[in-house]
Amino acid sequence: MNEAVFDYVTGVVIDKLEGGYFHPDMRTNNPSKFGAYHRSGETMFGLDRHAGHGLYYSTPRKTDDVLANLKYIYNGSYQYKTEDAKEFWTTIDKANARKNWNWLYKGGDLYSKLKKLAGGILLPQYNYLANKYLSEKSREIVESDPRILFHFIYACWNGSGWFKKFADKFNSAVASGTTDKDKLLDVAIKSRTQSGNSLIAQGGKKISAFIYDFKVPSNLQSGIQGGTSSNALKNGLLLGILFVAGWVLWRKYKNKPI
């Protein structure tokens, strides 16, 4: 998976579908307003520091209680899994977001940095889930179409269970002989809107409003499989060199000047 393409699509997911900051202290201080967030940990761009523990930390979570877990998060009990995860959350901590940031705040001057770090956190998760649940042919198609790729990158936010359900639907369509990408995009969107889960269906409706025209910038097109990759350019150059060499040898064989 091309990292630049992944970062771009992740950024669009955050811009269009994910919210800003939340901290459990907000619920403690205002339970009537934030009562629905009783299971949410500290969250930024939909990345929950408690529920998504395994994305950020290599050491196991010490408690399932959201509030009790804050002590272990802030006293350094957990070892970060990647440098991106470490920088993402320590950047938020250094800004003293717990005290200074309002609900849904997106980081101000830190927004672009945090958005890129979020992509760095999710890329290994996407690769893991795609390797596990998408067939080889399905994954090739997914990563050759930014619209379908968007669907599966967003599935990383939905969780491994939903990723598998979406992948099963997609794999089945591909295995049955469907290779038209517009039709496969319809399969992907319907797997959300007809999921039977109101939140997943709502997300599917939001995606369907823009996904059919979604593209990555032209300078990233080479990062989409099937585009003009660096290997393709190298192969083309090699063929050109071989052609010229052959022509030179032929001219010499004919005793003609070059």
Protein backbone atom coordinates (compact mmCIF):
# COMPACT_ATOMS: atom_id res chain seq x y z
CA MET A 1 0.00 0.00 0.00
CA ASN A 2 1.46 3.35 -1.07
CA GLU A 3 1.97 5.50 2.04
CA ALA A 4 1.31 8.85 0.33
CA VAL A 5 -1.99 7.62 -1.10
CA PHE A 6 -2.96 6.14 2.25
CA ASP A 7 -2.17 9.41 4.05
CA TYR A 8 -4.25 11.37 1.57
CA VAL A 9 -7.30 9.10 1.81
CA THR A 10 -7.00 8.96 5.61
CA GLY A 11 -7.00 12.76 5.66
CA VAL A 12 -10.20 12.87 3.62
CA VAL A 13 -11.85 10.36 5.97
CA ILE A 14 -10.95 12.63 8.89
CA ASP A 15 -12.11 15.78 7.09
CA LYS A 16 -15.45 14.36 5.98
CA LEU A 17 -16.43 11.71 8.53
CA GLU A 18 -14.52 12.01 11.79
CA GLY A 19 -14.84 14.51 14.62
CA GLY A 20 -12.36 16.28 16.84
CA TYR A 21 -11.37 15.98 20.47
CA PHE A 22 -13.17 14.37 23.38
CA HIS A 23 -11.97 13.58 26.89
CA PRO A 24 -13.80 11.55 29.58
CA ASP A 25 -13.39 14.56 31.90
CA MET A 26 -16.01 16.27 29.75
CA ARG A 27 -18.52 13.58 30.65
CA THR A 28 -17.54 13.72 34.33
CA ASN A 29 -18.01 17.50 34.38
CA ASN A 30 -21.19 17.54 32.29
CA PRO A 31 -22.93 14.12 32.41
CA SER A 32 -26.19 15.44 30.98
CA LYS A 33 -24.48 16.62 27.80
CA PHE A 34 -22.03 13.76 27.36
CA GLY A 35 -23.95 10.84 28.82
CA ALA A 36 -23.88 9.01 25.49
CA TYR A 37 -20.07 8.96 25.70
CA HIS A 38 -19.94 6.74 28.77
CA ARG A 39 -17.80 4.15 26.96
CA SER A 40 -15.51 6.62 25.19
CA GLY A 41 -11.93 7.24 26.14
CA GLU A 42 -9.82 10.20 25.13
CA THR A 43 -10.54 10.51 21.42
CA MET A 44 -9.14 12.47 18.48
CA PHE A 45 -10.26 12.03 14.85
CA GLY A 46 -12.25 8.99 15.93
CA LEU A 47 -9.14 7.31 17.40
CA ASP A 48 -10.08 6.24 20.93
CA ARG A 49 -7.09 5.97 23.27
CA HIS A 50 -8.93 3.48 25.51
CA ALA A 51 -11.03 1.35 23.14
CA GLY A 52 -8.31 1.32 20.45
CA HIS A 53 -5.54 0.55 22.95
CA GLY A 54 -3.92 -2.10 20.72
CA LEU A 55 -3.40 0.40 17.91
CA TYR A 56 -1.14 2.56 20.05
CA TYR A 57 0.38 0.37 22.75
CA SER A 58 2.32 -2.90 22.71
CA THR A 59 1.62 -3.60 26.39
CA PRO A 60 -1.85 -4.88 27.40
CA ARG A 61 -4.47 -2.60 28.89
CA LYS A 62 -4.65 -2.90 32.66
CA THR A 63 -8.36 -2.23 33.09
CA ASP A 64 -11.57 -2.08 31.05
CA ASP A 65 -12.81 0.86 33.10
CA VAL A 66 -12.42 4.05 31.05
CA LEU A 67 -11.89 6.39 33.98
CA ALA A 68 -9.62 4.05 35.95
CA ASN A 69 -7.48 3.58 32.86
CA LEU A 70 -6.61 7.28 32.70
CA LYS A 71 -4.15 6.81 35.55
CA TYR A 72 -2.18 4.20 33.61
CA ILE A 73 -2.23 6.23 30.41
CA TYR A 74 -0.81 9.32 32.04
CA ASN A 75 1.72 7.71 34.41
CA GLY A 76 3.55 6.00 31.53
CA SER A 77 2.48 2.44 32.31
CA TYR A 78 2.02 1.60 28.63
CA GLN A 79 4.72 1.24 25.98
CA TYR A 80 3.91 2.75 22.62
CA LYS A 81 3.68 0.42 19.65
CA THR A 82 5.01 2.77 16.96
CA GLU A 83 6.70 6.15 16.74
CA ASP A 84 3.62 7.57 14.99
CA ALA A 85 1.38 6.47 17.86
CA LYS A 86 3.81 7.93 20.40
CA GLU A 87 4.08 11.27 18.62
CA PHE A 88 0.33 11.49 18.04
CA TRP A 89 -0.63 11.13 21.70
CA THR A 90 2.38 12.91 23.20
CA THR A 91 1.68 15.89 20.92
CA ILE A 92 -1.84 15.98 22.33
CA ASP A 93 -0.51 15.59 25.87
CA LYS A 94 2.07 18.37 25.44
CA ALA A 95 -0.73 20.68 24.31
CA ASN A 96 -2.44 19.80 27.60
CA ALA A 97 -5.52 19.00 25.54
CA ARG A 98 -7.22 17.48 28.56
CA LYS A 99 -7.44 20.96 30.07
CA ASN A 100 -7.17 23.30 27.08
CA TRP A 101 -9.16 21.75 24.24
CA ASN A 102 -12.90 21.99 23.81
CA TRP A 103 -15.19 19.28 22.52
CA LEU A 104 -14.66 18.57 18.80
CA TYR A 105 -11.59 20.82 18.60
CA LYS A 106 -9.36 19.61 15.75
CA GLY A 107 -6.01 20.79 17.01
CA GLY A 108 -5.60 24.21 15.43
CA ASP A 109 -2.02 24.56 14.16
CA LEU A 110 -1.44 20.90 15.04
CA TYR A 111 -4.23 19.68 12.77
CA SER A 112 -2.13 18.75 9.71
CA LYS A 113 0.55 17.09 11.82
CA LEU A 114 -1.94 15.03 13.79
CA LYS A 115 -3.82 14.04 10.64
CA LYS A 116 -0.63 12.67 9.06
CA LEU A 117 0.27 10.82 12.26
CA ALA A 118 -3.20 9.29 12.30
CA GLY A 119 -2.46 7.87 8.86
CA GLY A 120 0.80 6.44 10.17
CA ILE A 121 -1.07 4.74 13.01
CA LEU A 122 -3.70 3.21 10.75
CA LEU A 123 -1.53 2.03 7.84
CA PRO A 124 -0.18 -1.09 9.66
CA GLN A 125 -3.73 -1.89 10.77
CA TYR A 126 -5.04 -1.60 7.22
CA ASN A 127 -2.25 -3.84 5.90
CA TYR A 128 -2.94 -6.42 8.61
CA LEU A 129 -6.69 -6.50 7.96
CA ALA A 130 -6.35 -6.45 4.18
CA ASN A 131 -3.86 -9.33 4.27
CA LYS A 132 -6.12 -11.29 6.58
CA TYR A 133 -9.55 -10.73 5.04
CA LEU A 134 -9.23 -9.65 1.40
CA SER A 135 -8.43 -12.20 -1.29
CA GLU A 136 -5.37 -11.45 -3.39
CA LYS A 137 -7.51 -10.48 -6.38
CA SER A 138 -9.84 -8.37 -4.24
CA ARG A 139 -6.98 -6.46 -2.67
CA GLU A 140 -5.49 -5.73 -6.09
CA ILE A 141 -8.81 -4.22 -7.17
CA VAL A 142 -9.27 -2.29 -3.92
CA GLU A 143 -5.85 -0.66 -4.17
CA SER A 144 -6.33 0.22 -7.84
CA ASP A 145 -9.46 2.31 -7.20
CA PRO A 146 -9.31 5.19 -4.67
CA ARG A 147 -13.10 5.09 -4.18
CA ILE A 148 -13.11 1.47 -3.04
CA LEU A 149 -9.89 2.04 -1.11
CA PHE A 150 -11.65 4.84 0.80
CA HIS A 151 -14.34 2.35 1.86
CA PHE A 152 -11.81 -0.11 3.25
CA ILE A 153 -9.59 2.50 4.90
CA TYR A 154 -12.65 3.84 6.70
CA ALA A 155 -13.40 0.24 7.70
CA CYS A 156 -10.27 0.43 9.89
CA TRP A 157 -12.20 2.92 12.04
CA ASN A 158 -15.23 0.63 12.07
CA GLY A 159 -13.20 -2.22 13.56
CA SER A 160 -11.88 -5.62 12.48
CA GLY A 161 -15.31 -7.26 12.69
CA TRP A 162 -16.83 -4.83 10.21
CA PHE A 163 -13.76 -4.93 7.99
CA LYS A 164 -14.23 -8.71 7.73
CA LYS A 165 -17.93 -8.36 6.91
CA PHE A 166 -17.22 -5.81 4.19
CA ALA A 167 -14.38 -7.96 2.84
CA ASP A 168 -16.55 -11.08 2.76
CA LYS A 169 -19.15 -9.27 0.63
CA PHE A 170 -16.48 -7.88 -1.65
CA ASN A 171 -14.61 -11.18 -2.00
CA SER A 172 -17.85 -12.95 -2.86
CA ALA A 173 -18.64 -10.48 -5.64
CA VAL A 174 -15.13 -10.74 -7.09
CA ALA A 175 -15.14 -14.54 -6.88
CA SER A 176 -18.46 -14.63 -8.73
CA GLY A 177 -16.81 -12.85 -11.66
CA THR A 178 -17.61 -9.18 -10.99
CA THR A 179 -14.60 -7.06 -11.90
CA ASP A 180 -16.29 -3.83 -13.02
CA LYS A 181 -15.13 -1.30 -10.43
CA ASP A 182 -18.33 0.76 -10.53
CA LYS A 183 -20.34 -2.36 -9.72
CA LEU A 184 -17.90 -3.34 -7.00
CA LEU A 185 -18.17 0.14 -5.51
CA ASP A 186 -21.93 -0.39 -5.36
CA VAL A 187 -21.31 -3.68 -3.53
CA ALA A 188 -19.08 -1.83 -1.05
CA ILE A 189 -21.59 0.96 -0.38
CA LYS A 190 -24.52 -1.46 -0.05
CA SER A 191 -22.54 -3.50 2.48
CA ARG A 192 -22.73 -0.38 4.63
CA THR A 193 -26.18 1.02 3.88
CA GLN A 194 -27.76 -2.45 4.13
CA SER A 195 -25.66 -3.60 7.08
CA GLY A 196 -28.52 -3.64 9.57
CA ASN A 197 -26.57 -1.31 11.87
CA SER A 198 -27.88 2.26 12.03
CA LEU A 199 -24.47 3.90 12.60
CA ILE A 200 -22.78 1.93 9.83
CA ALA A 201 -25.69 2.64 7.49
CA GLN A 202 -25.55 6.35 8.31
CA GLY A 203 -21.85 6.38 7.46
CA GLY A 204 -22.61 4.60 4.20
CA LYS A 205 -25.12 7.28 3.23
CA LYS A 206 -22.58 10.01 3.95
CA ILE A 207 -19.95 8.25 1.85
CA SER A 208 -22.35 7.68 -1.04
CA ALA A 209 -22.90 11.44 -1.31
CA PHE A 210 -19.36 12.03 -2.61
CA ILE A 211 -17.56 8.73 -3.20
CA TYR A 212 -18.56 8.19 -6.84
CA ASP A 213 -16.56 11.27 -7.88
CA PHE A 214 -13.70 10.75 -5.42
CA LYS A 215 -10.16 10.90 -6.81
CA VAL A 216 -6.65 11.26 -5.47
CA PRO A 217 -4.53 14.19 -6.73
CA SER A 218 -2.79 13.64 -10.06
CA ASN A 219 0.66 13.70 -8.45
CA LEU A 220 -0.32 10.64 -6.39
CA GLN A 221 -1.76 8.62 -9.27
CA SER A 222 1.43 6.58 -9.55
CA GLY A 223 0.73 5.31 -6.03
CA ILE A 224 -2.47 3.64 -7.18
CA GLN A 225 -1.80 0.15 -8.46
CA GLY A 226 -2.28 0.09 -12.19
CA GLY A 227 -0.90 3.65 -12.51
CA THR A 228 2.51 4.52 -13.90
CA SER A 229 4.75 3.18 -11.17
CA SER A 230 8.48 3.69 -10.86
CA ASN A 231 8.97 0.03 -11.82
CA ALA A 232 6.95 0.56 -14.98
CA LEU A 233 9.11 3.54 -15.87
CA LYS A 234 12.25 1.53 -15.26
CA ASN A 235 10.94 -1.31 -17.41
CA GLY A 236 10.10 1.13 -20.20
CA LEU A 237 13.57 2.66 -20.02
CA LEU A 238 15.18 -0.78 -20.15
CA LEU A 239 13.17 -1.71 -23.24
CA GLY A 240 14.24 1.55 -24.87
CA ILE A 241 17.92 0.84 -24.16
CA LEU A 242 17.62 -2.69 -25.54
CA PHE A 243 15.93 -1.36 -28.69
CA VAL A 244 18.72 1.17 -29.31
CA ALA A 245 21.40 -1.44 -28.63
CA GLY A 246 19.76 -3.80 -31.08
CA TRP A 247 19.55 -1.11 -33.71
CA VAL A 248 23.26 -0.26 -33.30
CA LEU A 249 24.25 -3.93 -33.67
CA TRP A 250 22.07 -4.26 -36.76
CA ARG A 251 23.71 -1.21 -38.38
CA LYS A 252 27.15 -2.60 -37.66
CA TYR A 253 26.14 -5.99 -39.07
CA LYS A 254 25.04 -4.26 -42.29
CA ASN A 255 28.29 -2.26 -42.33
CA LYS A 256 26.33 0.96 -42.33
CA PRO A 257 27.39 4.13 -40.51
CA ILE A 258 25.57 4.89 -37.29
